[in-house]
Every structure is written in C-alpha cells, then in structure tokens.
Amino acid sequence: MGTAIPLAVNKNKPLKFRNILRVILLFAIGFFLNVIGDSFNFSQSIFLLYLVRILGILQRMSVCYGLNLFIHWFTELGTHPIKRKLCAVFMIGLVILYTALMLSWSNES
C-alpha cells in the first residue's frame, strides 16, 4: 500500500475518481465474496445480512488504502513536515485503538 499511493496519485489532482472508485470496488468485491462464501441464501429476508462478515480482508485493505490516500493528500503529497508528524501520531493512535478493540473482543457467550 505504501508504494502504491505515490504511484497512483497525480500531483495536479491527488484525489482522482479512479482511486476513490478503487476503494469502493475493493470493499464491494470483498463484501460480495463474503456473502457468496458463507452460502448466504438470497431467498431469505434481507434482514439476515447481520450473518455476513462485514470487515473481511479486502474490506480492511480498502479502508487502509482510503486512509492512506487521504493522508497522502492531507500532507500535500508528503511534503508538509508538520502535517506528516500529525498524521503519524493519528495513525499510531488508530493502531492502538484497533489493537485494544481486537484484544477485548470475545465470541464467547
């Protein structure tokens, strides 16, 4: 992901429609594959979507790619040093929050 962002971003137009579409399509493809992989029965009610895993691998990759696009745009393509430090602190905070949530999550009833 780290190398793909500078290659995909143009200095004249950092947030292209193509990159945003890539984020949406990655999430949609991952969601669709999770629906198909879990043998979801489409004849049942639409309210059974809570059985589908929302954040699979492709969905997490799309969220990370979208965050990286936003950070790359926010830091003015990595050239603004103060904004880079601010984003580094923000990302460290997100990693700590994610780790804490994953360690506290339990499937036991």
Protein backbone atom coordinates (compact mmCIF):
# COMPACT_ATOMS: atom_id res chain seq x y z
CA MET A 1 0.00 0.00 0.00
CA GLY A 2 2.72 2.48 0.87
CA THR A 3 4.35 2.36 -2.55
CA ALA A 4 1.08 2.18 -4.48
CA ILE A 5 -0.20 5.54 -3.24
CA PRO A 6 2.55 7.79 -4.69
CA LEU A 7 2.38 5.89 -7.97
CA ALA A 8 -1.40 6.22 -8.21
CA VAL A 9 -1.62 9.88 -7.17
CA ASN A 10 -1.01 12.72 -9.60
CA LYS A 11 0.42 16.00 -8.27
CA ASN A 12 -2.13 18.05 -10.21
CA LYS A 13 -5.13 16.09 -8.98
CA PRO A 14 -4.33 13.99 -5.89
CA LEU A 15 -7.77 12.51 -5.28
CA LYS A 16 -8.76 11.08 -8.63
CA PHE A 17 -12.11 9.43 -9.28
CA ARG A 18 -10.22 6.27 -10.23
CA ASN A 19 -8.62 5.97 -6.78
CA ILE A 20 -11.88 6.56 -4.94
CA LEU A 21 -13.59 4.03 -7.21
CA ARG A 22 -10.81 1.54 -6.39
CA VAL A 23 -11.58 1.91 -2.67
CA ILE A 24 -15.30 1.38 -3.21
CA LEU A 25 -14.82 -1.58 -5.55
CA LEU A 26 -12.38 -3.32 -3.19
CA PHE A 27 -14.91 -3.03 -0.38
CA ALA A 28 -17.82 -4.17 -2.58
CA ILE A 29 -15.93 -7.16 -4.04
CA GLY A 30 -14.83 -8.28 -0.59
CA PHE A 31 -18.38 -7.97 0.75
CA PHE A 32 -19.80 -9.89 -2.21
CA LEU A 33 -17.23 -12.67 -1.80
CA ASN A 34 -18.09 -12.93 1.90
CA VAL A 35 -21.78 -13.22 1.02
CA ILE A 36 -21.12 -15.96 -1.55
CA GLY A 37 -18.55 -17.77 0.60
CA ASP A 38 -20.87 -18.08 3.58
CA SER A 39 -23.52 -19.80 1.43
CA PHE A 40 -25.89 -16.93 2.00
CA ASN A 41 -29.41 -17.76 0.90
CA PHE A 42 -30.77 -14.81 -1.09
CA SER A 43 -34.34 -16.10 -0.83
CA GLN A 44 -34.29 -15.32 2.89
CA SER A 45 -35.05 -11.93 4.30
CA ILE A 46 -32.64 -9.07 3.71
CA PHE A 47 -32.51 -8.66 7.49
CA LEU A 48 -30.20 -11.69 7.70
CA LEU A 49 -27.28 -9.58 6.47
CA TYR A 50 -26.07 -9.46 10.07
CA LEU A 51 -24.80 -13.00 9.46
CA VAL A 52 -22.30 -11.73 6.87
CA ARG A 53 -18.84 -10.66 7.96
CA ILE A 54 -18.52 -7.00 7.06
CA LEU A 55 -14.81 -6.39 7.62
CA GLY A 56 -13.02 -9.14 5.76
CA ILE A 57 -9.52 -8.84 4.31
CA LEU A 58 -10.45 -6.94 1.14
CA GLN A 59 -12.66 -4.55 3.09
CA ARG A 60 -9.83 -3.81 5.53
CA MET A 61 -7.46 -3.29 2.62
CA SER A 62 -9.90 -0.81 1.05
CA VAL A 63 -10.21 1.10 4.33
CA CYS A 64 -6.41 1.23 4.68
CA TYR A 65 -5.99 2.31 1.06
CA GLY A 66 -8.59 5.05 1.55
CA LEU A 67 -6.90 6.26 4.74
CA ASN A 68 -3.53 6.26 3.01
CA LEU A 69 -4.97 8.25 0.10
CA PHE A 70 -6.43 10.79 2.50
CA ILE A 71 -3.19 11.10 4.49
CA HIS A 72 -1.14 11.45 1.31
CA TRP A 73 -3.49 14.21 0.14
CA PHE A 74 -3.62 15.89 3.59
CA THR A 75 0.17 16.02 3.92
CA GLU A 76 0.38 17.67 0.49
CA LEU A 77 1.92 14.59 -1.11
CA GLY A 78 4.26 14.04 1.82
CA THR A 79 5.98 17.43 1.60
CA HIS A 80 4.49 19.16 4.67
CA PRO A 81 6.56 18.05 7.73
CA ILE A 82 4.18 19.20 10.49
CA LYS A 83 1.19 17.51 8.88
CA ARG A 84 3.27 14.34 8.41
CA LYS A 85 4.02 14.23 12.15
CA LEU A 86 0.37 14.88 12.97
CA CYS A 87 -0.71 12.01 10.71
CA ALA A 88 1.92 9.72 12.23
CA VAL A 89 0.53 10.37 15.71
CA PHE A 90 -3.01 9.85 14.37
CA MET A 91 -2.08 6.51 12.78
CA ILE A 92 -0.31 5.31 15.94
CA GLY A 93 -3.47 6.17 17.88
CA LEU A 94 -5.60 4.22 15.40
CA VAL A 95 -3.32 1.18 15.68
CA ILE A 96 -3.51 1.29 19.49
CA LEU A 97 -7.30 1.64 19.38
CA TYR A 98 -7.66 -1.20 16.86
CA THR A 99 -5.39 -3.46 18.90
CA ALA A 100 -7.28 -2.72 22.10
CA LEU A 101 -10.61 -3.45 20.44
CA MET A 102 -9.41 -6.70 18.90
CA LEU A 103 -7.89 -7.93 22.17
CA SER A 104 -11.04 -7.12 24.13
CA TRP A 105 -13.44 -8.73 21.64
CA SER A 106 -14.78 -12.13 22.62
CA ASN A 107 -17.05 -14.54 20.77
CA GLU A 108 -17.93 -16.43 23.92
CA SER A 109 -21.46 -16.03 25.21
